[in-house]
Amino acid sequence: MIAIVTAMPEERAALVRPLTEVRQERLAAVEIYCGNVNGREVCVAEGGMGMAAAAAAAKELAKRKPTVLISAGYCGAVRPGPAIGDLVVCRTLFSLEGGKLQQIAQHGDGQPTAGNLAAELQRHGLRAWQGSFITTRDIVTKSAMAACLATELPHPVLEMESAAVAQVAAMAGIPFIGMRAVSDDAAEELHFSLEEICAANGRVAIRRVLWLLARRPWLLAQFLRLAAGSAKAGKSLGRALGVLPTTR
């Protein structure tokens, strides 16, 4: 069984859409959707944004003894290269804590390397890169992040959950894969914080978004761009799901 942790409803929906015979379950506070693709069972958990929410969802999925635990969803490109809708496979993984990067080990015995998976995705007509995932606890400035990263670090992207999922996978002895689709490219700086748009459970709160827009209406243009980018990224994630079961 392939287990996938997502943060937002849009990410979860993109990965559930290709499944057949879908059934919905609720464990603790985690919504889990299970179905089949290419003869393989897939379970997708919608945990919410952030490390704590992702860890809780990953722990629930780990109880099912999956063959692989995947952190999937959207990401933001830090440097020019990956475009909106492109897929990025995690080659190296970091957690940003107190302004310092800490590399996170990835347990991957028996699973494809980032290079093999990226090549397989490309063979199926998807634009895919090997990259460096940087898990942050809040939205950070891309330009500042790019300036402090080693130039040889391949295609860094920002996201908020993969380090937590990888750590749960390592503790459970389950292989880990990180796979993200770019929703905002390197030129798009996000001008809001996680606290401004999310409730305490890590889920986007519409009332908070509307309140933010009432105070800063100029953000509407960015939200519309992000919505369009997320839709394109979601389509790539859905297409990629059909590739994963065939990859060894």
C-alpha atoms as a PDB file:
ATOM      1  CA  MET A   1       0.000   0.000   0.000  1.00  0.00           C
ATOM      2  CA  ILE A   2       1.203   3.487  -0.900  1.00  0.00           C
ATOM      3  CA  ALA A   3       0.557   6.066   1.836  1.00  0.00           C
ATOM      4  CA  ILE A   4       0.542   9.778   1.014  1.00  0.00           C
ATOM      5  CA  VAL A   5       0.446  12.756   3.381  1.00  0.00           C
ATOM      6  CA  THR A   6      -0.941  16.039   2.070  1.00  0.00           C
ATOM      7  CA  ALA A   7      -1.688  19.309   3.835  1.00  0.00           C
ATOM      8  CA  MET A   8      -4.542  21.027   2.028  1.00  0.00           C
ATOM      9  CA  PRO A   9      -7.897  19.885   0.588  1.00  0.00           C
ATOM     10  CA  GLU A  10      -6.774  20.870  -2.923  1.00  0.00           C
ATOM     11  CA  GLU A  11      -3.675  18.666  -2.676  1.00  0.00           C
ATOM     12  CA  ARG A  12      -5.688  15.754  -1.326  1.00  0.00           C
ATOM     13  CA  ALA A  13      -8.353  16.145  -4.022  1.00  0.00           C
ATOM     14  CA  ALA A  14      -5.732  16.126  -6.787  1.00  0.00           C
ATOM     15  CA  LEU A  15      -4.360  12.802  -5.570  1.00  0.00           C
ATOM     16  CA  VAL A  16      -7.716  11.187  -4.804  1.00  0.00           C
ATOM     17  CA  ARG A  17      -9.198  12.086  -8.198  1.00  0.00           C
ATOM     18  CA  PRO A  18      -7.301   9.351 -10.151  1.00  0.00           C
ATOM     19  CA  LEU A  19      -8.300   6.641  -7.639  1.00  0.00           C
ATOM     20  CA  THR A  20     -11.067   4.120  -8.166  1.00  0.00           C
ATOM     21  CA  GLU A  21     -13.304   2.535  -5.517  1.00  0.00           C
ATOM     22  CA  VAL A  22     -12.605   5.406  -3.136  1.00  0.00           C
ATOM     23  CA  ARG A  23     -13.665   5.086   0.487  1.00  0.00           C
ATOM     24  CA  GLN A  24     -13.338   7.749   3.161  1.00  0.00           C
ATOM     25  CA  GLU A  25     -12.279   7.122   6.746  1.00  0.00           C
ATOM     26  CA  ARG A  26     -11.577   9.291   9.766  1.00  0.00           C
ATOM     27  CA  LEU A  27      -8.905   8.351  12.295  1.00  0.00           C
ATOM     28  CA  ALA A  28      -8.464  10.723  15.223  1.00  0.00           C
ATOM     29  CA  ALA A  29      -8.600  14.152  13.545  1.00  0.00           C
ATOM     30  CA  VAL A  30      -7.225  12.906  10.212  1.00  0.00           C
ATOM     31  CA  GLU A  31      -9.308  12.383   7.074  1.00  0.00           C
ATOM     32  CA  ILE A  32      -8.043   9.436   5.008  1.00  0.00           C
ATOM     33  CA  TYR A  33      -9.157   8.510   1.492  1.00  0.00           C
ATOM     34  CA  CYS A  34      -8.268   5.056   0.161  1.00  0.00           C
ATOM     35  CA  GLY A  35      -8.667   3.646  -3.328  1.00  0.00           C
ATOM     36  CA  ASN A  36      -6.819   1.931  -6.146  1.00  0.00           C
ATOM     37  CA  VAL A  37      -4.630   2.983  -9.054  1.00  0.00           C
ATOM     38  CA  ASN A  38      -2.927   0.597 -11.483  1.00  0.00           C
ATOM     39  CA  GLY A  39      -3.754  -2.348  -9.227  1.00  0.00           C
ATOM     40  CA  ARG A  40      -2.144  -0.796  -6.155  1.00  0.00           C
ATOM     41  CA  GLU A  41      -3.907   0.422  -3.017  1.00  0.00           C
ATOM     42  CA  VAL A  42      -3.294   4.083  -2.186  1.00  0.00           C
ATOM     43  CA  CYS A  43      -4.278   5.919   1.009  1.00  0.00           C
ATOM     44  CA  VAL A  44      -4.170   9.731   1.063  1.00  0.00           C
ATOM     45  CA  ALA A  45      -4.341  11.658   4.346  1.00  0.00           C
ATOM     46  CA  GLU A  46      -5.233  15.330   4.567  1.00  0.00           C
ATOM     47  CA  GLY A  47      -3.423  16.434   7.701  1.00  0.00           C
ATOM     48  CA  GLY A  48      -3.287  20.212   7.538  1.00  0.00           C
ATOM     49  CA  MET A  49      -0.394  22.626   7.099  1.00  0.00           C
ATOM     50  CA  GLY A  50       2.761  22.506   9.179  1.00  0.00           C
ATOM     51  CA  MET A  51       5.061  20.002  10.863  1.00  0.00           C
ATOM     52  CA  ALA A  52       2.772  19.000  13.746  1.00  0.00           C
ATOM     53  CA  ALA A  53      -0.218  18.332  11.506  1.00  0.00           C
ATOM     54  CA  ALA A  54       1.894  16.363   9.026  1.00  0.00           C
ATOM     55  CA  ALA A  55       3.461  14.239  11.762  1.00  0.00           C
ATOM     56  CA  ALA A  56       0.032  13.333  13.158  1.00  0.00           C
ATOM     57  CA  ALA A  57      -1.236  12.279   9.726  1.00  0.00           C
ATOM     58  CA  ALA A  58       1.955  10.345   8.959  1.00  0.00           C
ATOM     59  CA  LYS A  59       1.706   8.428  12.241  1.00  0.00           C
ATOM     60  CA  GLU A  60      -1.850   7.343  11.431  1.00  0.00           C
ATOM     61  CA  LEU A  61      -0.785   6.109   7.996  1.00  0.00           C
ATOM     62  CA  ALA A  62       2.321   4.401   9.385  1.00  0.00           C
ATOM     63  CA  LYS A  63       0.077   2.165  11.522  1.00  0.00           C
ATOM     64  CA  ARG A  64      -1.109   0.572   8.266  1.00  0.00           C
ATOM     65  CA  LYS A  65       2.422  -0.645   7.429  1.00  0.00           C
ATOM     66  CA  PRO A  66       2.607   0.900   3.944  1.00  0.00           C
ATOM     67  CA  THR A  67       5.372  -0.012   1.511  1.00  0.00           C
ATOM     68  CA  VAL A  68       6.261   3.677   1.178  1.00  0.00           C
ATOM     69  CA  LEU A  69       5.289   6.924   2.913  1.00  0.00           C
ATOM     70  CA  ILE A  70       5.131   9.930   0.595  1.00  0.00           C
ATOM     71  CA  SER A  71       5.000  13.632   1.370  1.00  0.00           C
ATOM     72  CA  ALA A  72       3.165  15.193  -1.570  1.00  0.00           C
ATOM     73  CA  GLY A  73       1.643  18.560  -2.325  1.00  0.00           C
ATOM     74  CA  TYR A  74       2.616  22.009  -3.534  1.00  0.00           C
ATOM     75  CA  CYS A  75       5.895  23.867  -3.149  1.00  0.00           C
ATOM     76  CA  GLY A  76       7.514  27.173  -4.010  1.00  0.00           C
ATOM     77  CA  ALA A  77      10.647  27.320  -6.144  1.00  0.00           C
ATOM     78  CA  VAL A  78      13.497  29.304  -4.597  1.00  0.00           C
ATOM     79  CA  ARG A  79      15.655  29.735  -7.707  1.00  0.00           C
ATOM     80  CA  PRO A  80      14.838  29.998 -11.413  1.00  0.00           C
ATOM     81  CA  GLY A  81      14.430  26.600 -13.064  1.00  0.00           C
ATOM     82  CA  PRO A  82      11.352  24.645 -11.963  1.00  0.00           C
ATOM     83  CA  ALA A  83       8.251  26.319 -13.399  1.00  0.00           C
ATOM     84  CA  ILE A  84       4.666  26.309 -12.188  1.00  0.00           C
ATOM     85  CA  GLY A  85       3.242  22.819 -12.606  1.00  0.00           C
ATOM     86  CA  ASP A  86       6.647  21.101 -12.690  1.00  0.00           C
ATOM     87  CA  LEU A  87       7.269  18.177 -10.331  1.00  0.00           C
ATOM     88  CA  VAL A  88      10.225  18.130  -7.939  1.00  0.00           C
ATOM     89  CA  VAL A  89      11.428  14.872  -6.375  1.00  0.00           C
ATOM     90  CA  CYS A  90      13.284  15.132  -3.078  1.00  0.00           C
ATOM     91  CA  ARG A  91      16.972  14.382  -3.430  1.00  0.00           C
ATOM     92  CA  THR A  92      18.081  16.087  -0.205  1.00  0.00           C
ATOM     93  CA  LEU A  93      15.852  17.197   2.658  1.00  0.00           C
ATOM     94  CA  PHE A  94      16.386  19.988   5.170  1.00  0.00           C
ATOM     95  CA  SER A  95      14.483  21.484   8.077  1.00  0.00           C
ATOM     96  CA  LEU A  96      14.819  25.215   8.713  1.00  0.00           C
ATOM     97  CA  GLU A  97      14.975  25.769  12.477  1.00  0.00           C
ATOM     98  CA  GLY A  98      15.923  29.082  14.034  1.00  0.00           C
ATOM     99  CA  GLY A  99      17.378  30.318  10.773  1.00  0.00           C
ATOM    100  CA  LYS A 100      19.651  27.254  10.446  1.00  0.00           C
ATOM    101  CA  LEU A 101      19.351  24.363   8.016  1.00  0.00           C
ATOM    102  CA  GLN A 102      19.471  20.852   9.416  1.00  0.00           C
ATOM    103  CA  GLN A 103      19.686  17.951   6.974  1.00  0.00           C
ATOM    104  CA  ILE A 104      17.122  15.214   7.525  1.00  0.00           C
ATOM    105  CA  ALA A 105      17.952  11.605   6.695  1.00  0.00           C
ATOM    106  CA  GLN A 106      15.628   9.782   4.294  1.00  0.00           C
ATOM    107  CA  HIS A 107      14.935   6.080   4.698  1.00  0.00           C
ATOM    108  CA  GLY A 108      14.640   4.668   1.192  1.00  0.00           C
ATOM    109  CA  ASP A 109      15.579   0.977   1.115  1.00  0.00           C
ATOM    110  CA  GLY A 110      13.947  -0.721  -1.845  1.00  0.00           C
ATOM    111  CA  GLN A 111      12.499   2.493  -3.276  1.00  0.00           C
ATOM    112  CA  PRO A 112      13.566   4.420  -6.380  1.00  0.00           C
ATOM    113  CA  THR A 113      16.228   7.067  -6.059  1.00  0.00           C
ATOM    114  CA  ALA A 114      15.237  10.654  -6.791  1.00  0.00           C
ATOM    115  CA  GLY A 115      17.016  10.378 -10.128  1.00  0.00           C
ATOM    116  CA  ASN A 116      15.208   7.197 -11.140  1.00  0.00           C
ATOM    117  CA  LEU A 117      11.818   8.550 -10.130  1.00  0.00           C
ATOM    118  CA  ALA A 118      12.385  11.872 -11.877  1.00  0.00           C
ATOM    119  CA  ALA A 119      13.442   9.995 -15.032  1.00  0.00           C
ATOM    120  CA  GLU A 120      10.339   7.805 -14.856  1.00  0.00           C
ATOM    121  CA  LEU A 121       8.100  10.838 -14.502  1.00  0.00           C
ATOM    122  CA  GLN A 122       9.816  12.456 -17.479  1.00  0.00           C
ATOM    123  CA  ARG A 123       9.360   9.264 -19.501  1.00  0.00           C
ATOM    124  CA  HIS A 124       5.631   9.635 -18.927  1.00  0.00           C
ATOM    125  CA  GLY A 125       5.671  13.165 -20.320  1.00  0.00           C
ATOM    126  CA  LEU A 126       5.906  15.100 -17.046  1.00  0.00           C
ATOM    127  CA  ARG A 127       8.428  17.870 -16.380  1.00  0.00           C
ATOM    128  CA  ALA A 128      10.333  16.648 -13.317  1.00  0.00           C
ATOM    129  CA  TRP A 129      13.432  17.731 -11.413  1.00  0.00           C
ATOM    130  CA  GLN A 130      15.567  16.372  -8.624  1.00  0.00           C
ATOM    131  CA  GLY A 131      15.625  18.983  -5.894  1.00  0.00           C
ATOM    132  CA  SER A 132      16.337  19.998  -2.326  1.00  0.00           C
ATOM    133  CA  PHE A 133      13.295  20.239  -0.072  1.00  0.00           C
ATOM    134  CA  ILE A 134      13.454  22.851   2.686  1.00  0.00           C
ATOM    135  CA  THR A 135      10.754  22.367   5.304  1.00  0.00           C
ATOM    136  CA  THR A 136       9.919  25.605   7.100  1.00  0.00           C
ATOM    137  CA  ARG A 137       7.608  26.336  10.018  1.00  0.00           C
ATOM    138  CA  ASP A 138       6.314  29.502   8.370  1.00  0.00           C
ATOM    139  CA  ILE A 139       6.364  31.291   5.047  1.00  0.00           C
ATOM    140  CA  VAL A 140       9.865  32.652   4.448  1.00  0.00           C
ATOM    141  CA  THR A 141      11.328  35.112   1.955  1.00  0.00           C
ATOM    142  CA  LYS A 142      12.620  33.319  -1.128  1.00  0.00           C
ATOM    143  CA  SER A 143      15.201  35.943  -2.013  1.00  0.00           C
ATOM    144  CA  ALA A 144      16.769  35.765   1.459  1.00  0.00           C
ATOM    145  CA  MET A 145      16.695  31.962   1.371  1.00  0.00           C
ATOM    146  CA  ALA A 146      18.332  31.850  -2.061  1.00  0.00           C
ATOM    147  CA  ALA A 147      21.129  34.137  -0.868  1.00  0.00           C
ATOM    148  CA  CYS A 148      22.066  31.902   2.069  1.00  0.00           C
ATOM    149  CA  LEU A 149      21.937  28.545   0.278  1.00  0.00           C
ATOM    150  CA  ALA A 150      24.992  26.902  -1.236  1.00  0.00           C
ATOM    151  CA  THR A 151      25.030  27.496  -4.974  1.00  0.00           C
ATOM    152  CA  GLU A 152      25.497  23.779  -5.657  1.00  0.00           C
ATOM    153  CA  LEU A 153      22.315  22.826  -3.788  1.00  0.00           C
ATOM    154  CA  PRO A 154      20.093  21.414  -6.550  1.00  0.00           C
ATOM    155  CA  HIS A 155      16.792  23.183  -7.267  1.00  0.00           C
ATOM    156  CA  PRO A 156      15.712  24.165  -3.737  1.00  0.00           C
ATOM    157  CA  VAL A 157      11.990  24.387  -3.020  1.00  0.00           C
ATOM    158  CA  LEU A 158      10.089  25.526   0.073  1.00  0.00           C
ATOM    159  CA  GLU A 159       7.327  23.526   1.733  1.00  0.00           C
ATOM    160  CA  MET A 160       6.119  22.923   5.283  1.00  0.00           C
ATOM    161  CA  GLU A 161       5.660  19.203   5.967  1.00  0.00           C
ATOM    162  CA  SER A 162       8.180  16.823   4.371  1.00  0.00           C
ATOM    163  CA  ALA A 163      10.738  16.791   7.192  1.00  0.00           C
ATOM    164  CA  ALA A 164       8.068  15.688   9.666  1.00  0.00           C
ATOM    165  CA  VAL A 165       6.824  12.932   7.352  1.00  0.00           C
ATOM    166  CA  ALA A 166      10.386  11.716   6.710  1.00  0.00           C
ATOM    167  CA  GLN A 167      11.104  11.549  10.440  1.00  0.00           C
ATOM    168  CA  VAL A 168       7.974   9.479  11.104  1.00  0.00           C
ATOM    169  CA  ALA A 169       8.892   7.183   8.207  1.00  0.00           C
ATOM    170  CA  ALA A 170      12.418   6.707   9.560  1.00  0.00           C
ATOM    171  CA  MET A 171      11.170   5.863  13.054  1.00  0.00           C
ATOM    172  CA  ALA A 172       8.740   3.306  11.604  1.00  0.00           C
ATOM    173  CA  GLY A 173      11.308   1.855   9.191  1.00  0.00           C
ATOM    174  CA  ILE A 174       9.195   2.795   6.174  1.00  0.00           C
ATOM    175  CA  PRO A 175      10.806   4.089   2.961  1.00  0.00           C
ATOM    176  CA  PHE A 176      10.166   7.788   2.304  1.00  0.00           C
ATOM    177  CA  ILE A 177       9.614   9.736  -0.912  1.00  0.00           C
ATOM    178  CA  GLY A 178       9.123  13.483  -1.235  1.00  0.00           C
ATOM    179  CA  MET A 179       7.302  14.650  -4.346  1.00  0.00           C
ATOM    180  CA  ARG A 180       5.963  18.169  -4.834  1.00  0.00           C
ATOM    181  CA  ALA A 181       4.509  20.217  -7.664  1.00  0.00           C
ATOM    182  CA  VAL A 182       5.470  23.876  -8.032  1.00  0.00           C
ATOM    183  CA  SER A 183       2.557  26.231  -7.343  1.00  0.00           C
ATOM    184  CA  ASP A 184       4.638  29.427  -7.242  1.00  0.00           C
ATOM    185  CA  ASP A 185       7.904  30.022  -9.049  1.00  0.00           C
ATOM    186  CA  ALA A 186      11.011  31.821  -7.824  1.00  0.00           C
ATOM    187  CA  ALA A 187       9.711  35.226  -8.907  1.00  0.00           C
ATOM    188  CA  GLU A 188       6.619  34.989  -6.664  1.00  0.00           C
ATOM    189  CA  GLU A 189       7.278  36.207  -3.113  1.00  0.00           C
ATOM    190  CA  LEU A 190       4.448  35.433  -0.700  1.00  0.00           C
ATOM    191  CA  HIS A 191       3.313  38.518   1.214  1.00  0.00           C
ATOM    192  CA  PHE A 192       1.422  36.916   4.093  1.00  0.00           C
ATOM    193  CA  SER A 193       2.172  34.626   7.022  1.00  0.00           C
ATOM    194  CA  LEU A 194       0.798  31.207   7.908  1.00  0.00           C
ATOM    195  CA  GLU A 195      -0.857  32.585  11.048  1.00  0.00           C
ATOM    196  CA  GLU A 196      -2.785  35.108   8.970  1.00  0.00           C
ATOM    197  CA  ILE A 197      -4.547  32.501   6.846  1.00  0.00           C
ATOM    198  CA  CYS A 198      -4.693  29.314   8.961  1.00  0.00           C
ATOM    199  CA  ALA A 199      -6.561  28.170  12.043  1.00  0.00           C
ATOM    200  CA  ALA A 200      -4.795  26.413  14.925  1.00  0.00           C
ATOM    201  CA  ASN A 201      -5.274  22.998  13.255  1.00  0.00           C
ATOM    202  CA  GLY A 202      -3.131  24.022  10.271  1.00  0.00           C
ATOM    203  CA  ARG A 203      -6.023  24.328   7.830  1.00  0.00           C
ATOM    204  CA  VAL A 204      -6.715  27.430   5.771  1.00  0.00           C
ATOM    205  CA  ALA A 205      -9.580  29.392   7.351  1.00  0.00           C
ATOM    206  CA  ILE A 206     -11.709  31.259   4.791  1.00  0.00           C
ATOM    207  CA  ARG A 207     -12.751  33.846   7.382  1.00  0.00           C
ATOM    208  CA  ARG A 208      -9.101  34.647   8.059  1.00  0.00           C
ATOM    209  CA  VAL A 209      -8.385  34.978   4.339  1.00  0.00           C
ATOM    210  CA  LEU A 210     -11.330  37.327   3.852  1.00  0.00           C
ATOM    211  CA  TRP A 211     -10.272  39.416   6.848  1.00  0.00           C
ATOM    212  CA  LEU A 212      -6.745  39.609   5.437  1.00  0.00           C
ATOM    213  CA  LEU A 213      -8.062  40.724   2.046  1.00  0.00           C
ATOM    214  CA  ALA A 214     -10.246  43.354   3.687  1.00  0.00           C
ATOM    215  CA  ARG A 215      -7.138  44.839   5.294  1.00  0.00           C
ATOM    216  CA  ARG A 216      -4.805  44.289   2.321  1.00  0.00           C
ATOM    217  CA  PRO A 217      -6.931  44.127  -0.848  1.00  0.00           C
ATOM    218  CA  TRP A 218      -3.837  44.265  -3.043  1.00  0.00           C
ATOM    219  CA  LEU A 219      -3.189  40.630  -2.029  1.00  0.00           C
ATOM    220  CA  LEU A 220      -6.164  39.501  -4.120  1.00  0.00           C
ATOM    221  CA  ALA A 221      -4.042  39.481  -7.293  1.00  0.00           C
ATOM    222  CA  GLN A 222      -1.493  37.213  -5.622  1.00  0.00           C
ATOM    223  CA  PHE A 223      -4.164  34.873  -4.271  1.00  0.00           C
ATOM    224  CA  LEU A 224      -5.607  34.551  -7.778  1.00  0.00           C
ATOM    225  CA  ARG A 225      -2.177  33.747  -9.222  1.00  0.00           C
ATOM    226  CA  LEU A 226      -1.593  31.179  -6.489  1.00  0.00           C
ATOM    227  CA  ALA A 227      -4.983  29.596  -7.154  1.00  0.00           C
ATOM    228  CA  ALA A 228      -4.138  29.237 -10.845  1.00  0.00           C
ATOM    229  CA  GLY A 229      -0.677  27.868 -10.034  1.00  0.00           C
ATOM    230  CA  SER A 230      -2.112  25.419  -7.514  1.00  0.00           C
ATOM    231  CA  ALA A 231      -4.619  24.126 -10.052  1.00  0.00           C
ATOM    232  CA  LYS A 232      -1.808  23.456 -12.526  1.00  0.00           C
ATOM    233  CA  ALA A 233       0.316  21.828  -9.814  1.00  0.00           C
ATOM    234  CA  GLY A 234      -2.608  19.638  -8.774  1.00  0.00           C
ATOM    235  CA  LYS A 235      -2.993  18.262 -12.295  1.00  0.00           C
ATOM    236  CA  SER A 236       0.703  17.287 -12.301  1.00  0.00           C
ATOM    237  CA  LEU A 237       0.360  15.514  -8.945  1.00  0.00           C
ATOM    238  CA  GLY A 238      -2.614  13.532 -10.191  1.00  0.00           C
ATOM    239  CA  ARG A 239      -0.745  12.431 -13.310  1.00  0.00           C
ATOM    240  CA  ALA A 240       2.314  11.490 -11.250  1.00  0.00           C
ATOM    241  CA  LEU A 241       0.295   9.168  -9.043  1.00  0.00           C
ATOM    242  CA  GLY A 242      -0.203   6.826 -11.966  1.00  0.00           C
ATOM    243  CA  VAL A 243       3.566   6.554 -12.387  1.00  0.00           C
ATOM    244  CA  LEU A 244       4.470   5.699  -8.793  1.00  0.00           C
ATOM    245  CA  PRO A 245       3.125   2.122  -8.650  1.00  0.00           C
ATOM    246  CA  THR A 246       5.138   1.117 -11.725  1.00  0.00           C
ATOM    247  CA  THR A 247       8.404   2.392 -10.255  1.00  0.00           C
ATOM    248  CA  ARG A 248      10.673   0.032  -8.304  1.00  0.00           C
END
